[in-house]
Amino acid sequence: MASSTSKHVPLRRCVLCRASLPKAELIRLVRSGEGGFELDPAGRAGGRGTWVCRSCAQDPTEKRLRQAFRGQAARVGELLTLAVGVTPTAALAEGIGTEA
């Protein structure tokens, strides 16, 4: 058997634009205990996550947020605005999004 030199890159789909991108290029949101959403910068929180690409996070349309997050659209919009401040290179330097 031939061994593959390429490493598997996990893909996730953006809930707003439906684009499939590598997991490291997306922002993960998880449900909090109170029913709202919280950022998961490490991507390791328990439960099912919701993924948003950086281009959608930089310019989220209200209509798409309402379709994806219903009553939590305003809160998620605020979280995405905060998350855009963390650049992918800064996240990699902190070890966020890297697999062990």
PDB file of N, CA and C in Angstrom:
ATOM      1  N   MET A   1       0.830  -1.185   0.000  1.00  0.00           N
ATOM      2  CA  MET A   1       0.000   0.000   0.000  1.00  0.00           C
ATOM      3  C   MET A   1       0.871   1.244   0.000  1.00  0.00           C
ATOM      4  N   ALA A   2       0.435   2.226  -0.732  1.00  0.00           N
ATOM      5  CA  ALA A   2       1.157   3.488  -0.772  1.00  0.00           C
ATOM      6  C   ALA A   2       0.699   4.349   0.396  1.00  0.00           C
ATOM      7  N   SER A   3       1.665   4.945   1.073  1.00  0.00           N
ATOM      8  CA  SER A   3       1.294   5.801   2.200  1.00  0.00           C
ATOM      9  C   SER A   3       1.047   7.217   1.700  1.00  0.00           C
ATOM     10  N   SER A   4       0.066   7.819   2.220  1.00  0.00           N
ATOM     11  CA  SER A   4      -0.297   9.176   1.838  1.00  0.00           C
ATOM     12  C   SER A   4       0.484  10.166   2.688  1.00  0.00           C
ATOM     13  N   THR A   5       1.048  11.175   2.057  1.00  0.00           N
ATOM     14  CA  THR A   5       1.807  12.182   2.788  1.00  0.00           C
ATOM     15  C   THR A   5       0.944  13.369   3.176  1.00  0.00           C
ATOM     16  N   SER A   6      -0.242  13.482   2.604  1.00  0.00           N
ATOM     17  CA  SER A   6      -1.105  14.601   2.953  1.00  0.00           C
ATOM     18  C   SER A   6      -1.910  14.272   4.210  1.00  0.00           C
ATOM     19  N   LYS A   7      -2.016  15.258   5.063  1.00  0.00           N
ATOM     20  CA  LYS A   7      -2.744  15.086   6.309  1.00  0.00           C
ATOM     21  C   LYS A   7      -4.217  15.441   6.093  1.00  0.00           C
ATOM     22  N   HIS A   8      -5.097  14.698   6.715  1.00  0.00           N
ATOM     23  CA  HIS A   8      -6.532  14.956   6.616  1.00  0.00           C
ATOM     24  C   HIS A   8      -6.866  16.314   7.231  1.00  0.00           C
ATOM     25  N   VAL A   9      -7.599  17.126   6.510  1.00  0.00           N
ATOM     26  CA  VAL A   9      -8.027  18.435   6.999  1.00  0.00           C
ATOM     27  C   VAL A   9      -9.537  18.377   7.211  1.00  0.00           C
ATOM     28  N   PRO A  10      -9.995  18.484   8.480  1.00  0.00           N
ATOM     29  CA  PRO A  10     -11.437  18.429   8.722  1.00  0.00           C
ATOM     30  C   PRO A  10     -12.143  19.666   8.170  1.00  0.00           C
ATOM     31  N   LEU A  11     -13.230  19.449   7.467  1.00  0.00           N
ATOM     32  CA  LEU A  11     -14.017  20.531   6.895  1.00  0.00           C
ATOM     33  C   LEU A  11     -15.298  20.717   7.696  1.00  0.00           C
ATOM     34  N   ARG A  12     -15.728  21.951   7.809  1.00  0.00           N
ATOM     35  CA  ARG A  12     -16.999  22.276   8.445  1.00  0.00           C
ATOM     36  C   ARG A  12     -17.729  23.258   7.534  1.00  0.00           C
ATOM     37  N   ARG A  13     -19.060  23.336   7.687  1.00  0.00           N
ATOM     38  CA  ARG A  13     -19.862  24.201   6.834  1.00  0.00           C
ATOM     39  C   ARG A  13     -20.345  25.432   7.590  1.00  0.00           C
ATOM     40  N   CYS A  14     -20.164  26.588   6.974  1.00  0.00           N
ATOM     41  CA  CYS A  14     -20.642  27.848   7.555  1.00  0.00           C
ATOM     42  C   CYS A  14     -22.167  27.836   7.543  1.00  0.00           C
ATOM     43  N   VAL A  15     -22.766  28.146   8.683  1.00  0.00           N
ATOM     44  CA  VAL A  15     -24.217  28.113   8.802  1.00  0.00           C
ATOM     45  C   VAL A  15     -24.875  29.275   8.044  1.00  0.00           C
ATOM     46  N   LEU A  16     -24.116  30.329   7.742  1.00  0.00           N
ATOM     47  CA  LEU A  16     -24.693  31.484   7.064  1.00  0.00           C
ATOM     48  C   LEU A  16     -24.583  31.400   5.542  1.00  0.00           C
ATOM     49  N   CYS A  17     -23.391  31.083   5.014  1.00  0.00           N
ATOM     50  CA  CYS A  17     -23.223  31.058   3.561  1.00  0.00           C
ATOM     51  C   CYS A  17     -23.146  29.652   2.985  1.00  0.00           C
ATOM     52  N   ARG A  18     -23.093  28.628   3.849  1.00  0.00           N
ATOM     53  CA  ARG A  18     -23.073  27.213   3.461  1.00  0.00           C
ATOM     54  C   ARG A  18     -21.789  26.786   2.746  1.00  0.00           C
ATOM     55  N   ALA A  19     -20.710  27.542   2.883  1.00  0.00           N
ATOM     56  CA  ALA A  19     -19.423  27.173   2.281  1.00  0.00           C
ATOM     57  C   ALA A  19     -18.705  26.184   3.190  1.00  0.00           C
ATOM     58  N   SER A  20     -18.091  25.154   2.614  1.00  0.00           N
ATOM     59  CA  SER A  20     -17.309  24.188   3.375  1.00  0.00           C
ATOM     60  C   SER A  20     -15.854  24.643   3.382  1.00  0.00           C
ATOM     61  N   LEU A  21     -15.325  24.846   4.576  1.00  0.00           N
ATOM     62  CA  LEU A  21     -13.963  25.341   4.749  1.00  0.00           C
ATOM     63  C   LEU A  21     -13.249  24.524   5.811  1.00  0.00           C
ATOM     64  N   PRO A  22     -11.909  24.585   5.841  1.00  0.00           N
ATOM     65  CA  PRO A  22     -11.188  23.912   6.923  1.00  0.00           C
ATOM     66  C   PRO A  22     -11.609  24.450   8.284  1.00  0.00           C
ATOM     67  N   LYS A  23     -11.658  23.570   9.226  1.00  0.00           N
ATOM     68  CA  LYS A  23     -12.119  23.884  10.579  1.00  0.00           C
ATOM     69  C   LYS A  23     -11.366  25.068  11.192  1.00  0.00           C
ATOM     70  N   ALA A  24     -10.063  25.179  10.916  1.00  0.00           N
ATOM     71  CA  ALA A  24      -9.238  26.240  11.488  1.00  0.00           C
ATOM     72  C   ALA A  24      -9.606  27.625  10.968  1.00  0.00           C
ATOM     73  N   GLU A  25     -10.306  27.705   9.849  1.00  0.00           N
ATOM     74  CA  GLU A  25     -10.666  28.989   9.260  1.00  0.00           C
ATOM     75  C   GLU A  25     -12.055  29.472   9.678  1.00  0.00           C
ATOM     76  N   LEU A  26     -12.715  28.732  10.547  1.00  0.00           N
ATOM     77  CA  LEU A  26     -14.072  29.070  10.952  1.00  0.00           C
ATOM     78  C   LEU A  26     -14.132  29.446  12.427  1.00  0.00           C
ATOM     79  N   ILE A  27     -15.186  30.135  12.797  1.00  0.00           N
ATOM     80  CA  ILE A  27     -15.452  30.516  14.180  1.00  0.00           C
ATOM     81  C   ILE A  27     -16.535  29.588  14.702  1.00  0.00           C
ATOM     82  N   ARG A  28     -16.318  29.024  15.886  1.00  0.00           N
ATOM     83  CA  ARG A  28     -17.286  28.074  16.442  1.00  0.00           C
ATOM     84  C   ARG A  28     -18.086  28.728  17.555  1.00  0.00           C
ATOM     85  N   LEU A  29     -19.379  28.524  17.513  1.00  0.00           N
ATOM     86  CA  LEU A  29     -20.300  28.966  18.558  1.00  0.00           C
ATOM     87  C   LEU A  29     -20.954  27.725  19.146  1.00  0.00           C
ATOM     88  N   VAL A  30     -21.157  27.739  20.463  1.00  0.00           N
ATOM     89  CA  VAL A  30     -21.835  26.616  21.131  1.00  0.00           C
ATOM     90  C   VAL A  30     -22.956  27.163  21.995  1.00  0.00           C
ATOM     91  N   ARG A  31     -23.940  26.323  22.268  1.00  0.00           N
ATOM     92  CA  ARG A  31     -25.044  26.695  23.154  1.00  0.00           C
ATOM     93  C   ARG A  31     -24.554  26.761  24.588  1.00  0.00           C
ATOM     94  N   SER A  32     -24.934  27.809  25.289  1.00  0.00           N
ATOM     95  CA  SER A  32     -24.598  27.925  26.705  1.00  0.00           C
ATOM     96  C   SER A  32     -25.697  27.268  27.529  1.00  0.00           C
ATOM     97  N   GLY A  33     -25.476  27.148  28.807  1.00  0.00           N
ATOM     98  CA  GLY A  33     -26.467  26.539  29.686  1.00  0.00           C
ATOM     99  C   GLY A  33     -27.758  27.333  29.764  1.00  0.00           C
ATOM    100  N   GLU A  34     -27.695  28.626  29.513  1.00  0.00           N
ATOM    101  CA  GLU A  34     -28.877  29.483  29.579  1.00  0.00           C
ATOM    102  C   GLU A  34     -29.675  29.489  28.278  1.00  0.00           C
ATOM    103  N   GLY A  35     -29.217  28.748  27.271  1.00  0.00           N
ATOM    104  CA  GLY A  35     -29.934  28.694  26.008  1.00  0.00           C
ATOM    105  C   GLY A  35     -29.407  29.646  24.964  1.00  0.00           C
ATOM    106  N   GLY A  36     -28.463  30.496  25.313  1.00  0.00           N
ATOM    107  CA  GLY A  36     -27.863  31.414  24.350  1.00  0.00           C
ATOM    108  C   GLY A  36     -26.658  30.778  23.677  1.00  0.00           C
ATOM    109  N   PHE A  37     -25.861  31.587  23.030  1.00  0.00           N
ATOM    110  CA  PHE A  37     -24.657  31.106  22.370  1.00  0.00           C
ATOM    111  C   PHE A  37     -23.428  31.751  22.988  1.00  0.00           C
ATOM    112  N   GLU A  38     -22.300  31.036  22.931  1.00  0.00           N
ATOM    113  CA  GLU A  38     -21.014  31.539  23.395  1.00  0.00           C
ATOM    114  C   GLU A  38     -19.961  31.178  22.365  1.00  0.00           C
ATOM    115  N   LEU A  39     -18.892  31.977  22.317  1.00  0.00           N
ATOM    116  CA  LEU A  39     -17.767  31.656  21.441  1.00  0.00           C
ATOM    117  C   LEU A  39     -16.996  30.476  22.003  1.00  0.00           C
ATOM    118  N   ASP A  40     -16.470  29.669  21.130  1.00  0.00           N
ATOM    119  CA  ASP A  40     -15.614  28.548  21.516  1.00  0.00           C
ATOM    120  C   ASP A  40     -14.316  28.666  20.722  1.00  0.00           C
ATOM    121  N   PRO A  41     -13.406  29.559  21.145  1.00  0.00           N
ATOM    122  CA  PRO A  41     -12.190  29.792  20.361  1.00  0.00           C
ATOM    123  C   PRO A  41     -11.286  28.570  20.255  1.00  0.00           C
ATOM    124  N   ALA A  42     -11.293  27.704  21.248  1.00  0.00           N
ATOM    125  CA  ALA A  42     -10.452  26.509  21.197  1.00  0.00           C
ATOM    126  C   ALA A  42     -11.096  25.403  20.376  1.00  0.00           C
ATOM    127  N   GLY A  43     -12.393  25.481  20.144  1.00  0.00           N
ATOM    128  CA  GLY A  43     -13.086  24.457  19.374  1.00  0.00           C
ATOM    129  C   GLY A  43     -13.213  23.140  20.103  1.00  0.00           C
ATOM    130  N   ARG A  44     -13.187  23.166  21.428  1.00  0.00           N
ATOM    131  CA  ARG A  44     -13.184  21.927  22.188  1.00  0.00           C
ATOM    132  C   ARG A  44     -14.345  21.812  23.185  1.00  0.00           C
ATOM    133  N   ALA A  45     -15.244  22.778  23.201  1.00  0.00           N
ATOM    134  CA  ALA A  45     -16.366  22.723  24.136  1.00  0.00           C
ATOM    135  C   ALA A  45     -17.287  21.562  23.762  1.00  0.00           C
ATOM    136  N   GLY A  46     -17.935  21.005  24.751  1.00  0.00           N
ATOM    137  CA  GLY A  46     -18.824  19.879  24.520  1.00  0.00           C
ATOM    138  C   GLY A  46     -20.080  20.278  23.774  1.00  0.00           C
ATOM    139  N   GLY A  47     -20.698  19.314  23.168  1.00  0.00           N
ATOM    140  CA  GLY A  47     -21.954  19.557  22.469  1.00  0.00           C
ATOM    141  C   GLY A  47     -21.744  19.899  21.011  1.00  0.00           C
ATOM    142  N   ARG A  48     -22.842  20.096  20.333  1.00  0.00           N
ATOM    143  CA  ARG A  48     -22.790  20.423  18.914  1.00  0.00           C
ATOM    144  C   ARG A  48     -22.472  21.891  18.739  1.00  0.00           C
ATOM    145  N   GLY A  49     -21.602  22.170  17.826  1.00  0.00           N
ATOM    146  CA  GLY A  49     -21.219  23.545  17.561  1.00  0.00           C
ATOM    147  C   GLY A  49     -21.832  24.052  16.279  1.00  0.00           C
ATOM    148  N   THR A  50     -21.853  25.356  16.152  1.00  0.00           N
ATOM    149  CA  THR A  50     -22.292  26.027  14.946  1.00  0.00           C
ATOM    150  C   THR A  50     -21.092  26.778  14.412  1.00  0.00           C
ATOM    151  N   TRP A  51     -20.832  26.670  13.130  1.00  0.00           N
ATOM    152  CA  TRP A  51     -19.641  27.235  12.528  1.00  0.00           C
ATOM    153  C   TRP A  51     -20.007  28.402  11.627  1.00  0.00           C
ATOM    154  N   VAL A  52     -19.185  29.481  11.690  1.00  0.00           N
ATOM    155  CA  VAL A  52     -19.386  30.660  10.855  1.00  0.00           C
ATOM    156  C   VAL A  52     -18.033  31.040  10.263  1.00  0.00           C
ATOM    157  N   CYS A  53     -17.984  31.273   8.943  1.00  0.00           N
ATOM    158  CA  CYS A  53     -16.721  31.658   8.308  1.00  0.00           C
ATOM    159  C   CYS A  53     -16.399  33.115   8.638  1.00  0.00           C
ATOM    160  N   ARG A  54     -15.147  33.476   8.501  1.00  0.00           N
ATOM    161  CA  ARG A  54     -14.706  34.823   8.866  1.00  0.00           C
ATOM    162  C   ARG A  54     -15.312  35.893   7.973  1.00  0.00           C
ATOM    163  N   SER A  55     -15.521  35.604   6.697  1.00  0.00           N
ATOM    164  CA  SER A  55     -16.112  36.620   5.824  1.00  0.00           C
ATOM    165  C   SER A  55     -17.549  36.922   6.240  1.00  0.00           C
ATOM    166  N   CYS A  56     -18.297  35.914   6.646  1.00  0.00           N
ATOM    167  CA  CYS A  56     -19.663  36.140   7.137  1.00  0.00           C
ATOM    168  C   CYS A  56     -19.634  36.837   8.499  1.00  0.00           C
ATOM    169  N   ALA A  57     -18.631  36.528   9.313  1.00  0.00           N
ATOM    170  CA  ALA A  57     -18.522  37.148  10.642  1.00  0.00           C
ATOM    171  C   ALA A  57     -18.178  38.628  10.528  1.00  0.00           C
ATOM    172  N   GLN A  58     -17.418  38.997   9.507  1.00  0.00           N
ATOM    173  CA  GLN A  58     -17.051  40.395   9.327  1.00  0.00           C
ATOM    174  C   GLN A  58     -18.218  41.238   8.850  1.00  0.00           C
ATOM    175  N   ASP A  59     -19.088  40.664   8.066  1.00  0.00           N
ATOM    176  CA  ASP A  59     -20.220  41.407   7.515  1.00  0.00           C
ATOM    177  C   ASP A  59     -21.489  40.563   7.564  1.00  0.00           C
ATOM    178  N   PRO A  60     -21.975  40.261   8.783  1.00  0.00           N
ATOM    179  CA  PRO A  60     -23.170  39.414   8.865  1.00  0.00           C
ATOM    180  C   PRO A  60     -24.429  40.186   8.485  1.00  0.00           C
ATOM    181  N   THR A  61     -25.233  39.594   7.627  1.00  0.00           N
ATOM    182  CA  THR A  61     -26.502  40.232   7.285  1.00  0.00           C
ATOM    183  C   THR A  61     -27.534  39.828   8.328  1.00  0.00           C
ATOM    184  N   GLU A  62     -28.373  40.757   8.685  1.00  0.00           N
ATOM    185  CA  GLU A  62     -29.374  40.504   9.726  1.00  0.00           C
ATOM    186  C   GLU A  62     -30.324  39.375   9.322  1.00  0.00           C
ATOM    187  N   LYS A  63     -30.673  39.332   8.056  1.00  0.00           N
ATOM    188  CA  LYS A  63     -31.607  38.301   7.590  1.00  0.00           C
ATOM    189  C   LYS A  63     -31.024  36.903   7.787  1.00  0.00           C
ATOM    190  N   ARG A  64     -29.770  36.712   7.402  1.00  0.00           N
ATOM    191  CA  ARG A  64     -29.144  35.394   7.561  1.00  0.00           C
ATOM    192  C   ARG A  64     -28.985  35.029   9.033  1.00  0.00           C
ATOM    193  N   LEU A  65     -28.636  35.994   9.862  1.00  0.00           N
ATOM    194  CA  LEU A  65     -28.516  35.723  11.298  1.00  0.00           C
ATOM    195  C   LEU A  65     -29.861  35.282  11.869  1.00  0.00           C
ATOM    196  N   ARG A  66     -30.936  35.967  11.482  1.00  0.00           N
ATOM    197  CA  ARG A  66     -32.260  35.600  11.978  1.00  0.00           C
ATOM    198  C   ARG A  66     -32.672  34.215  11.499  1.00  0.00           C
ATOM    199  N   GLN A  67     -32.315  33.860  10.259  1.00  0.00           N
ATOM    200  CA  GLN A  67     -32.659  32.536   9.730  1.00  0.00           C
ATOM    201  C   GLN A  67     -31.914  31.437  10.473  1.00  0.00           C
ATOM    202  N   ALA A  68     -30.647  31.687  10.787  1.00  0.00           N
ATOM    203  CA  ALA A  68     -29.825  30.650  11.405  1.00  0.00           C
ATOM    204  C   ALA A  68     -29.988  30.578  12.922  1.00  0.00           C
ATOM    205  N   PHE A  69     -30.150  31.727  13.577  1.00  0.00           N
ATOM    206  CA  PHE A  69     -30.126  31.767  15.033  1.00  0.00           C
ATOM    207  C   PHE A  69     -31.422  32.229  15.687  1.00  0.00           C
ATOM    208  N   ARG A  70     -32.431  32.517  14.897  1.00  0.00           N
ATOM    209  CA  ARG A  70     -33.756  32.899  15.391  1.00  0.00           C
ATOM    210  C   ARG A  70     -33.689  34.051  16.401  1.00  0.00           C
ATOM    211  N   GLY A  71     -34.148  33.851  17.614  1.00  0.00           N
ATOM    212  CA  GLY A  71     -34.209  34.904  18.624  1.00  0.00           C
ATOM    213  C   GLY A  71     -32.862  35.335  19.180  1.00  0.00           C
ATOM    214  N   GLN A  72     -31.818  34.597  18.882  1.00  0.00           N
ATOM    215  CA  GLN A  72     -30.486  34.912  19.387  1.00  0.00           C
ATOM    216  C   GLN A  72     -29.655  35.700  18.369  1.00  0.00           C
ATOM    217  N   ALA A  73     -30.237  36.175  17.295  1.00  0.00           N
ATOM    218  CA  ALA A  73     -29.497  36.813  16.207  1.00  0.00           C
ATOM    219  C   ALA A  73     -28.692  38.016  16.676  1.00  0.00           C
ATOM    220  N   ALA A  74     -29.262  38.867  17.518  1.00  0.00           N
ATOM    221  CA  ALA A  74     -28.550  40.058  17.980  1.00  0.00           C
ATOM    222  C   ALA A  74     -27.338  39.669  18.816  1.00  0.00           C
ATOM    223  N   ARG A  75     -27.503  38.718  19.720  1.00  0.00           N
ATOM    224  CA  ARG A  75     -26.390  38.260  20.571  1.00  0.00           C
ATOM    225  C   ARG A  75     -25.289  37.611  19.734  1.00  0.00           C
ATOM    226  N   VAL A  76     -25.660  36.793  18.772  1.00  0.00           N
ATOM    227  CA  VAL A  76     -24.676  36.136  17.912  1.00  0.00           C
ATOM    228  C   VAL A  76     -23.940  37.177  17.076  1.00  0.00           C
ATOM    229  N   GLY A  77     -24.639  38.194  16.605  1.00  0.00           N
ATOM    230  CA  GLY A  77     -23.994  39.275  15.860  1.00  0.00           C
ATOM    231  C   GLY A  77     -22.918  39.956  16.684  1.00  0.00           C
ATOM    232  N   GLU A  78     -23.201  40.188  17.969  1.00  0.00           N
ATOM    233  CA  GLU A  78     -22.214  40.791  18.874  1.00  0.00           C
ATOM    234  C   GLU A  78     -21.022  39.862  19.064  1.00  0.00           C
ATOM    235  N   LEU A  79     -21.276  38.568  19.252  1.00  0.00           N
ATOM    236  CA  LEU A  79     -20.202  37.595  19.427  1.00  0.00           C
ATOM    237  C   LEU A  79     -19.304  37.522  18.190  1.00  0.00           C
ATOM    238  N   LEU A  80     -19.907  37.560  17.017  1.00  0.00           N
ATOM    239  CA  LEU A  80     -19.125  37.500  15.787  1.00  0.00           C
ATOM    240  C   LEU A  80     -18.267  38.745  15.625  1.00  0.00           C
ATOM    241  N   THR A  81     -18.788  39.892  16.026  1.00  0.00           N
ATOM    242  CA  THR A  81     -18.006  41.118  15.971  1.00  0.00           C
ATOM    243  C   THR A  81     -16.787  41.015  16.877  1.00  0.00           C
ATOM    244  N   LEU A  82     -16.970  40.431  18.060  1.00  0.00           N
ATOM    245  CA  LEU A  82     -15.842  40.216  18.967  1.00  0.00           C
ATOM    246  C   LEU A  82     -14.855  39.206  18.394  1.00  0.00           C
ATOM    247  N   ALA A  83     -15.347  38.160  17.775  1.00  0.00           N
ATOM    248  CA  ALA A  83     -14.492  37.082  17.272  1.00  0.00           C
ATOM    249  C   ALA A  83     -13.634  37.528  16.097  1.00  0.00           C
ATOM    250  N   VAL A  84     -14.108  38.469  15.308  1.00  0.00           N
ATOM    251  CA  VAL A  84     -13.355  38.919  14.147  1.00  0.00           C
ATOM    252  C   VAL A  84     -12.061  39.599  14.581  1.00  0.00           C
ATOM    253  N   GLY A  85     -12.023  40.120  15.794  1.00  0.00           N
ATOM    254  CA  GLY A  85     -10.811  40.755  16.306  1.00  0.00           C
ATOM    255  C   GLY A  85      -9.660  39.782  16.476  1.00  0.00           C
ATOM    256  N   VAL A  86      -9.946  38.475  16.578  1.00  0.00           N
ATOM    257  CA  VAL A  86      -8.903  37.461  16.700  1.00  0.00           C
ATOM    258  C   VAL A  86      -8.553  36.983  15.303  1.00  0.00           C
ATOM    259  N   THR A  87      -7.343  37.302  14.848  1.00  0.00           N
ATOM    260  CA  THR A  87      -6.922  36.892  13.511  1.00  0.00           C
ATOM    261  C   THR A  87      -6.510  35.432  13.514  1.00  0.00           C
ATOM    262  N   PRO A  88      -6.563  34.755  12.375  1.00  0.00           N
ATOM    263  CA  PRO A  88      -6.171  33.346  12.331  1.00  0.00           C
ATOM    264  C   PRO A  88      -4.727  33.119  12.772  1.00  0.00           C
ATOM    265  N   THR A  89      -3.809  34.034  12.435  1.00  0.00           N
ATOM    266  CA  THR A  89      -2.413  33.854  12.829  1.00  0.00           C
ATOM    267  C   THR A  89      -2.256  33.996  14.332  1.00  0.00           C
ATOM    268  N   ALA A  90      -3.014  34.896  14.953  1.00  0.00           N
ATOM    269  CA  ALA A  90      -2.951  35.035  16.412  1.00  0.00           C
ATOM    270  C   ALA A  90      -3.520  33.795  17.080  1.00  0.00           C
ATOM    271  N   ALA A  91      -4.568  33.237  16.498  1.00  0.00           N
ATOM    272  CA  ALA A  91      -5.164  32.031  17.063  1.00  0.00           C
ATOM    273  C   ALA A  91      -4.197  30.856  16.963  1.00  0.00           C
ATOM    274  N   LEU A  92      -3.475  30.758  15.865  1.00  0.00           N
ATOM    275  CA  LEU A  92      -2.507  29.681  15.710  1.00  0.00           C
ATOM    276  C   LEU A  92      -1.344  29.855  16.680  1.00  0.00           C
ATOM    277  N   ALA A  93      -0.928  31.099  16.920  1.00  0.00           N
ATOM    278  CA  ALA A  93       0.163  31.344  17.859  1.00  0.00           C
ATOM    279  C   ALA A  93      -0.238  30.936  19.275  1.00  0.00           C
ATOM    280  N   GLU A  94      -1.523  31.058  19.596  1.00  0.00           N
ATOM    281  CA  GLU A  94      -2.014  30.672  20.915  1.00  0.00           C
ATOM    282  C   GLU A  94      -2.352  29.193  20.996  1.00  0.00           C
ATOM    283  N   GLY A  95      -2.259  28.484  19.884  1.00  0.00           N
ATOM    284  CA  GLY A  95      -2.573  27.063  19.871  1.00  0.00           C
ATOM    285  C   GLY A  95      -4.032  26.773  19.647  1.00  0.00           C
ATOM    286  N   ILE A  96      -4.805  27.770  19.243  1.00  0.00           N
ATOM    287  CA  ILE A  96      -6.236  27.585  19.011  1.00  0.00           C
ATOM    288  C   ILE A  96      -6.424  26.991  17.624  1.00  0.00           C
ATOM    289  N   GLY A  97      -7.208  25.945  17.554  1.00  0.00           N
ATOM    290  CA  GLY A  97      -7.529  25.342  16.272  1.00  0.00           C
ATOM    291  C   GLY A  97      -6.497  24.342  15.778  1.00  0.00           C
ATOM    292  N   THR A  98      -5.489  24.049  16.578  1.00  0.00           N
ATOM    293  CA  THR A  98      -4.493  23.063  16.166  1.00  0.00           C
ATOM    294  C   THR A  98      -4.812  21.732  16.811  1.00  0.00           C
ATOM    295  N   GLU A  99      -4.625  20.691  16.062  1.00  0.00           N
ATOM    296  CA  GLU A  99      -4.884  19.344  16.571  1.00  0.00           C
ATOM    297  C   GLU A  99      -3.626  18.803  17.215  1.00  0.00           C
ATOM    298  N   ALA A 100      -3.765  18.091  18.326  1.00  0.00           N
ATOM    299  CA  ALA A 100      -2.619  17.524  19.016  1.00  0.00           C
ATOM    300  C   ALA A 100      -2.247  16.185  18.440  1.00  0.00           C
TER     301      ALA A 100
END
